[in-house]
Amino acid sequence: MLPMTLGNQSAVTMFILQSFVDDPWLQATLFCLLFALFVVAIVGNGLIVMTIHRSSNLHTPMYFFLVNLALLDVICTVTVLPKVLQSLVAENTISYGGCLTQMFVFSWVLGSELLLFSAMAYDRYLAICRPLHYGTLMSGRACVALATFVWFTGALNSLVLTCLVLPLSFCGPNLIAHFFCEIPSVLLLSCSPTFINDVMTVITDMFLTDLNFLLTMVSYGFIITSILRIRSVEGKKRAFSTCSAHLVVVTLYYSTVLYTYVRPALGSSGLLDKAVAVLYTSVTPSLNPLIYTLRNKEFKSSFKKLLFPPLMTLRVQSNSGSFR
């Protein structure tokens, strides 16, 4: 611990992030696994952004929100995983300012993703339940307004929670019982009363998590009802395929976030809590590109054209020549 004198106390200027495990073999295994997830998340989400940007046929509201999700996943991965990987090979310390920065960025991303899932569910609701009004209600201006609201509200929420940490004193232990600076685990080390912080954390998490989860489920309730009314089996499959990927991501993400934030005791400790945190900080950002693209024929076609443009042009020419 690196202290600085403050009256009769010493204020913590650096924290130590707890290692995930102590066994060297498990550390090496986890390092390889998490490094692979890091590469997959960065490359996969980067390819999503590049493919959608370069393909004019993908310039639709659904893919616009998918780009926003990919950007949030990249920021989350870059914010958390490098320090996690460092903790597996060396003592992982982080400065007080660095801890606050990581706390702010991670909370911003987490809150923004929860809001974005609601926006994406609303988009699928309009596309399936109100297709005749979809173009008007989900115009380019409306998409930009929704995305701006998502990023701004997530940042505002994170700013409030982070600013509430600034007046707190940290004069005792500096070992954070987690592998990154998350607000609940940092509050456990404060020498000052954290009642206001605890209340605000619970209120904001309940608002962002529970309310957005409710809105998302209500949207999908209407979506499923509309799909069941479709008479043809092919029509039902086509309608469900447009929202199934989003539903899988939402289920995975909310199940882990609800476990971590909406529970009686604040804080993150124990191997199970760390494993759950890995799911929503590492696994989900890595799986999102696969979930959203594996069953999406439109995206796969655009991706192939982007990677192999000469081959695709030659194939189109050969196909057109066969009809002559």
Protein backbone atom coordinates (compact mmCIF):
# COMPACT_ATOMS: atom_id res chain seq x y z
CA MET A 1 0.00 0.00 0.00
CA LEU A 2 1.28 3.47 -0.88
CA PRO A 3 -0.03 5.93 1.75
CA MET A 4 0.00 9.67 2.04
CA THR A 5 -0.30 11.49 5.34
CA LEU A 6 -3.66 13.03 6.12
CA GLY A 7 -3.90 14.22 9.71
CA ASN A 8 -3.47 11.19 11.96
CA GLN A 9 -4.58 8.80 9.21
CA SER A 10 -3.05 7.50 6.03
CA ALA A 11 -5.15 7.80 2.89
CA VAL A 12 -4.95 5.00 0.36
CA THR A 13 -3.52 6.14 -2.96
CA MET A 14 -3.30 2.69 -4.54
CA PHE A 15 -5.46 -0.44 -4.41
CA ILE A 16 -4.56 -4.08 -4.89
CA LEU A 17 -6.97 -6.12 -7.00
CA GLN A 18 -7.42 -9.65 -5.75
CA SER A 19 -6.25 -12.44 -8.03
CA PHE A 20 -8.92 -14.71 -9.45
CA VAL A 21 -7.23 -17.89 -8.17
CA ASP A 22 -3.95 -18.74 -6.42
CA ASP A 23 -3.09 -22.02 -8.10
CA PRO A 24 -0.41 -21.41 -10.80
CA TRP A 25 -1.83 -24.01 -13.18
CA LEU A 26 -5.33 -22.55 -12.93
CA GLN A 27 -3.89 -19.07 -13.38
CA ALA A 28 -2.19 -20.11 -16.63
CA THR A 29 -5.38 -21.80 -17.85
CA LEU A 30 -7.53 -18.79 -17.02
CA PHE A 31 -5.03 -16.44 -18.64
CA CYS A 32 -5.25 -18.34 -21.93
CA LEU A 33 -9.05 -18.52 -21.74
CA LEU A 34 -9.55 -14.86 -20.90
CA PHE A 35 -6.99 -13.74 -23.47
CA ALA A 36 -8.88 -15.73 -26.10
CA LEU A 37 -12.14 -14.08 -25.02
CA PHE A 38 -10.42 -10.69 -25.19
CA VAL A 39 -9.27 -11.29 -28.78
CA VAL A 40 -12.65 -12.69 -29.85
CA ALA A 41 -14.51 -9.72 -28.32
CA ILE A 42 -12.28 -7.09 -29.94
CA VAL A 43 -12.03 -8.75 -33.36
CA GLY A 44 -15.64 -9.96 -33.48
CA ASN A 45 -17.22 -6.67 -32.48
CA GLY A 46 -14.77 -4.77 -34.69
CA LEU A 47 -15.84 -6.87 -37.69
CA ILE A 48 -19.49 -6.18 -36.90
CA VAL A 49 -18.91 -2.42 -36.91
CA MET A 50 -16.82 -2.56 -40.08
CA THR A 51 -19.25 -4.81 -41.97
CA ILE A 52 -22.30 -2.72 -41.10
CA HIS A 53 -20.47 0.51 -41.89
CA ARG A 54 -19.32 -0.75 -45.31
CA SER A 55 -22.61 -2.44 -46.33
CA SER A 56 -25.37 -0.04 -47.37
CA ASN A 57 -28.01 -2.79 -47.18
CA LEU A 58 -27.33 -3.05 -43.44
CA HIS A 59 -28.01 0.62 -42.76
CA THR A 60 -31.24 -0.11 -40.90
CA PRO A 61 -32.32 0.62 -37.30
CA MET A 62 -31.66 -2.95 -36.13
CA TYR A 63 -28.04 -2.88 -37.31
CA PHE A 64 -27.59 0.70 -36.10
CA PHE A 65 -28.35 -0.45 -32.56
CA LEU A 66 -26.14 -3.50 -33.08
CA VAL A 67 -23.21 -1.19 -33.85
CA ASN A 68 -23.87 0.65 -30.59
CA LEU A 69 -23.91 -2.66 -28.70
CA ALA A 70 -20.63 -3.71 -30.35
CA LEU A 71 -18.97 -0.41 -29.36
CA LEU A 72 -20.15 -0.80 -25.76
CA ASP A 73 -18.83 -4.37 -25.67
CA VAL A 74 -15.42 -3.24 -26.93
CA ILE A 75 -15.22 -0.48 -24.30
CA CYS A 76 -16.23 -2.93 -21.55
CA THR A 77 -13.63 -5.47 -22.66
CA VAL A 78 -10.81 -2.93 -22.91
CA THR A 79 -11.72 -1.44 -19.52
CA VAL A 80 -11.81 -4.68 -17.52
CA LEU A 81 -9.89 -7.53 -19.14
CA PRO A 82 -6.34 -6.08 -19.35
CA LYS A 83 -6.23 -5.65 -15.56
CA VAL A 84 -7.70 -9.13 -15.09
CA LEU A 85 -5.00 -10.63 -17.29
CA GLN A 86 -2.35 -8.70 -15.35
CA SER A 87 -3.67 -10.09 -12.05
CA LEU A 88 -3.06 -13.63 -13.32
CA VAL A 89 0.65 -13.10 -13.97
CA ALA A 90 1.70 -10.45 -11.40
CA GLU A 91 0.50 -8.47 -8.43
CA ASN A 92 -2.22 -6.27 -9.82
CA THR A 93 -2.26 -2.76 -8.40
CA ILE A 94 -4.30 0.20 -9.55
CA SER A 95 -4.04 3.84 -8.53
CA TYR A 96 -6.89 5.63 -6.78
CA GLY A 97 -7.52 7.72 -9.90
CA GLY A 98 -7.28 4.67 -12.14
CA CYS A 99 -9.76 2.83 -9.94
CA LEU A 100 -12.25 5.70 -10.15
CA THR A 101 -11.79 5.85 -13.93
CA GLN A 102 -12.38 2.11 -14.33
CA MET A 103 -15.38 2.35 -12.02
CA PHE A 104 -16.88 5.22 -14.03
CA VAL A 105 -16.34 3.66 -17.46
CA PHE A 106 -17.60 0.22 -16.43
CA SER A 107 -20.72 1.66 -14.76
CA TRP A 108 -21.32 3.79 -17.86
CA VAL A 109 -21.11 0.78 -20.15
CA LEU A 110 -23.23 -1.41 -17.89
CA GLY A 111 -26.03 1.14 -17.58
CA SER A 112 -25.93 2.01 -21.27
CA GLU A 113 -26.17 -1.64 -22.33
CA LEU A 114 -29.24 -2.18 -20.15
CA LEU A 115 -30.91 0.86 -21.73
CA LEU A 116 -29.80 -0.23 -25.21
CA PHE A 117 -31.45 -3.64 -24.78
CA SER A 118 -34.74 -1.85 -24.13
CA ALA A 119 -34.26 0.29 -27.25
CA MET A 120 -33.50 -2.82 -29.32
CA ALA A 121 -36.58 -4.58 -27.94
CA TYR A 122 -38.69 -1.52 -28.83
CA ASP A 123 -37.26 -1.61 -32.35
CA ARG A 124 -38.22 -5.30 -32.75
CA TYR A 125 -41.67 -4.56 -31.30
CA LEU A 126 -42.32 -1.89 -33.91
CA ALA A 127 -40.93 -4.06 -36.74
CA ILE A 128 -43.16 -7.03 -35.91
CA CYS A 129 -46.23 -5.55 -34.22
CA ARG A 130 -46.54 -2.28 -36.16
CA PRO A 131 -44.82 -2.89 -39.50
CA LEU A 132 -46.89 -0.30 -41.41
CA HIS A 133 -45.73 2.50 -39.09
CA TYR A 134 -42.20 1.18 -38.58
CA GLY A 135 -40.51 3.46 -41.10
CA THR A 136 -42.09 6.56 -39.56
CA LEU A 137 -41.67 5.68 -35.87
CA MET A 138 -38.12 4.34 -36.27
CA SER A 139 -36.70 6.98 -38.59
CA GLY A 140 -33.03 7.92 -38.70
CA ARG A 141 -33.64 10.87 -36.40
CA ALA A 142 -35.50 8.66 -33.90
CA CYS A 143 -32.65 6.12 -33.89
CA VAL A 144 -30.06 8.81 -33.21
CA ALA A 145 -32.24 10.28 -30.45
CA LEU A 146 -32.62 6.87 -28.78
CA ALA A 147 -28.88 6.16 -29.02
CA THR A 148 -28.05 9.59 -27.59
CA PHE A 149 -30.43 9.00 -24.69
CA VAL A 150 -28.85 5.60 -24.02
CA TRP A 151 -25.26 6.88 -23.92
CA PHE A 152 -26.07 10.11 -22.07
CA THR A 153 -28.25 8.49 -19.39
CA GLY A 154 -25.68 5.76 -18.80
CA ALA A 155 -22.94 8.39 -18.43
CA LEU A 156 -25.05 10.54 -16.10
CA ASN A 157 -25.87 7.59 -13.87
CA SER A 158 -22.22 6.56 -13.70
CA LEU A 159 -21.08 10.14 -13.04
CA VAL A 160 -23.44 10.48 -10.06
CA LEU A 161 -22.34 7.17 -8.52
CA THR A 162 -18.64 7.91 -9.07
CA CYS A 163 -18.87 11.44 -7.68
CA LEU A 164 -20.47 10.04 -4.52
CA VAL A 165 -17.29 8.01 -3.98
CA LEU A 166 -14.99 11.08 -4.14
CA PRO A 167 -15.81 12.42 -0.60
CA LEU A 168 -15.18 9.01 0.99
CA SER A 169 -12.01 8.29 2.95
CA PHE A 170 -9.99 5.15 2.33
CA CYS A 171 -7.57 4.75 5.24
CA GLY A 172 -7.63 1.05 6.04
CA PRO A 173 -7.12 -2.09 3.95
CA ASN A 174 -6.50 -1.49 0.27
CA LEU A 175 -7.16 -5.03 -1.04
CA ILE A 176 -10.27 -5.06 -3.23
CA ALA A 177 -11.94 -8.48 -3.03
CA HIS A 178 -12.56 -8.48 -6.76
CA PHE A 179 -10.55 -8.48 -9.98
CA PHE A 180 -11.59 -4.97 -11.05
CA CYS A 181 -12.90 -1.76 -9.47
CA GLU A 182 -16.63 -2.21 -9.16
CA ILE A 183 -18.57 0.23 -6.98
CA PRO A 184 -19.97 -2.26 -4.40
CA SER A 185 -16.59 -3.90 -3.76
CA VAL A 186 -14.80 -0.53 -3.43
CA LEU A 187 -17.38 0.80 -0.97
CA LEU A 188 -16.56 -2.07 1.40
CA LEU A 189 -13.08 -0.54 1.96
CA SER A 190 -14.27 2.96 2.88
CA CYS A 191 -13.56 4.32 6.35
CA SER A 192 -16.43 6.81 5.90
CA PRO A 193 -20.15 6.01 6.18
CA THR A 194 -21.45 4.74 2.84
CA PHE A 195 -25.19 4.78 3.55
CA ILE A 196 -25.96 7.34 0.82
CA ASN A 197 -23.76 5.48 -1.65
CA ASP A 198 -25.45 2.16 -0.83
CA VAL A 199 -28.92 3.63 -1.22
CA MET A 200 -28.11 5.38 -4.50
CA THR A 201 -26.43 2.24 -5.87
CA VAL A 202 -29.50 0.15 -5.08
CA ILE A 203 -31.89 2.78 -6.50
CA THR A 204 -30.00 3.23 -9.76
CA ASP A 205 -29.44 -0.50 -10.20
CA MET A 206 -33.10 -1.23 -9.55
CA PHE A 207 -34.09 1.48 -12.03
CA LEU A 208 -31.68 0.48 -14.76
CA THR A 209 -31.94 -3.28 -14.27
CA ASP A 210 -35.49 -4.01 -13.11
CA LEU A 211 -37.28 -1.31 -15.10
CA ASN A 212 -35.43 -2.06 -18.32
CA PHE A 213 -35.91 -5.79 -17.81
CA LEU A 214 -39.64 -5.19 -17.36
CA LEU A 215 -39.85 -3.02 -20.49
CA THR A 216 -37.91 -5.60 -22.49
CA MET A 217 -40.13 -8.47 -21.33
CA VAL A 218 -43.30 -6.48 -22.04
CA SER A 219 -42.06 -5.77 -25.56
CA TYR A 220 -41.34 -9.44 -26.15
CA GLY A 221 -44.71 -10.35 -24.70
CA PHE A 222 -46.36 -8.31 -27.46
CA ILE A 223 -43.91 -9.70 -30.02
CA ILE A 224 -44.62 -13.34 -29.14
CA THR A 225 -48.37 -12.66 -29.18
CA SER A 226 -48.10 -11.15 -32.67
CA ILE A 227 -45.95 -14.05 -33.90
CA LEU A 228 -48.48 -16.61 -32.66
CA ARG A 229 -51.18 -14.87 -34.68
CA ILE A 230 -49.29 -15.43 -37.92
CA ARG A 231 -50.92 -18.31 -39.75
CA SER A 232 -48.06 -19.64 -41.87
CA VAL A 233 -45.25 -21.59 -40.24
CA GLU A 234 -42.71 -19.92 -42.51
CA GLY A 235 -43.98 -16.50 -41.47
CA LYS A 236 -43.62 -17.42 -37.79
CA LYS A 237 -40.04 -18.61 -38.32
CA ARG A 238 -39.10 -15.45 -40.21
CA ALA A 239 -40.61 -13.19 -37.55
CA PHE A 240 -39.01 -15.07 -34.66
CA SER A 241 -35.58 -15.14 -36.33
CA THR A 242 -35.48 -11.34 -36.30
CA CYS A 243 -35.61 -11.19 -32.50
CA SER A 244 -34.38 -14.57 -31.23
CA ALA A 245 -30.72 -13.48 -31.15
CA HIS A 246 -31.55 -10.39 -29.11
CA LEU A 247 -33.65 -12.46 -26.70
CA VAL A 248 -30.75 -14.87 -26.10
CA VAL A 249 -28.33 -12.00 -25.38
CA VAL A 250 -30.80 -10.27 -23.06
CA THR A 251 -31.46 -13.48 -21.10
CA LEU A 252 -27.74 -14.18 -20.64
CA TYR A 253 -26.88 -10.60 -19.71
CA TYR A 254 -29.75 -9.93 -17.31
CA SER A 255 -29.39 -13.26 -15.50
CA THR A 256 -25.80 -12.38 -14.54
CA VAL A 257 -26.40 -8.69 -13.79
CA LEU A 258 -29.49 -9.42 -11.67
CA TYR A 259 -27.49 -11.93 -9.63
CA THR A 260 -24.69 -9.44 -8.98
CA TYR A 261 -26.63 -6.24 -8.31
CA VAL A 262 -30.10 -7.17 -7.13
CA ARG A 263 -29.38 -9.19 -4.05
CA PRO A 264 -29.57 -8.45 -0.32
CA ALA A 265 -25.84 -8.03 0.39
CA LEU A 266 -23.79 -5.47 -1.46
CA GLY A 267 -20.32 -6.33 -2.63
CA SER A 268 -18.66 -9.02 -4.67
CA SER A 269 -16.67 -11.73 -2.97
CA GLY A 270 -16.19 -15.40 -3.46
CA LEU A 271 -15.38 -17.51 -6.48
CA LEU A 272 -19.00 -17.73 -7.65
CA ASP A 273 -19.39 -13.95 -7.69
CA LYS A 274 -16.18 -13.59 -9.69
CA ALA A 275 -17.30 -16.27 -12.14
CA VAL A 276 -20.60 -14.46 -12.68
CA ALA A 277 -18.74 -11.17 -13.17
CA VAL A 278 -16.60 -12.84 -15.85
CA LEU A 279 -19.80 -13.78 -17.69
CA TYR A 280 -21.05 -10.22 -18.15
CA THR A 281 -17.64 -8.57 -18.53
CA SER A 282 -15.92 -11.12 -20.79
CA VAL A 283 -18.12 -13.95 -22.05
CA THR A 284 -21.13 -11.88 -23.15
CA PRO A 285 -19.08 -9.34 -25.18
CA SER A 286 -17.37 -12.31 -26.88
CA LEU A 287 -20.61 -14.18 -27.61
CA ASN A 288 -22.59 -11.20 -28.91
CA PRO A 289 -20.88 -11.18 -32.35
CA LEU A 290 -21.48 -14.92 -32.74
CA ILE A 291 -25.08 -14.87 -31.52
CA TYR A 292 -26.09 -11.95 -33.74
CA THR A 293 -24.36 -13.16 -36.89
CA LEU A 294 -24.46 -16.97 -37.03
CA ARG A 295 -28.18 -17.14 -37.89
CA ASN A 296 -28.33 -13.87 -39.80
CA LYS A 297 -28.16 -14.64 -43.53
CA GLU A 298 -28.22 -10.95 -44.49
CA PHE A 299 -25.22 -10.14 -42.32
CA LYS A 300 -23.28 -13.25 -43.39
CA SER A 301 -23.83 -12.38 -47.04
CA SER A 302 -22.56 -8.82 -46.52
CA PHE A 303 -19.61 -10.09 -44.48
CA LYS A 304 -18.58 -12.50 -47.25
CA LYS A 305 -18.80 -9.72 -49.82
CA LEU A 306 -16.59 -7.57 -47.63
CA LEU A 307 -13.95 -10.27 -47.18
CA PHE A 308 -14.02 -11.78 -50.67
CA PRO A 309 -15.28 -9.09 -53.08
CA PRO A 310 -13.57 -10.47 -56.23
CA LEU A 311 -14.85 -13.99 -55.54
CA MET A 312 -18.39 -12.76 -54.92
CA THR A 313 -18.34 -10.69 -58.12
CA LEU A 314 -17.13 -13.69 -60.12
CA ARG A 315 -19.84 -15.88 -58.60
CA VAL A 316 -22.55 -13.36 -59.46
CA GLN A 317 -21.29 -13.12 -63.05
CA SER A 318 -21.19 -16.91 -63.44
CA ASN A 319 -24.72 -17.21 -62.04
CA SER A 320 -26.04 -14.53 -64.38
CA GLY A 321 -24.34 -16.25 -67.34
CA SER A 322 -26.06 -19.54 -66.57
CA PHE A 323 -29.46 -17.99 -67.31
CA ARG A 324 -28.52 -16.82 -70.78
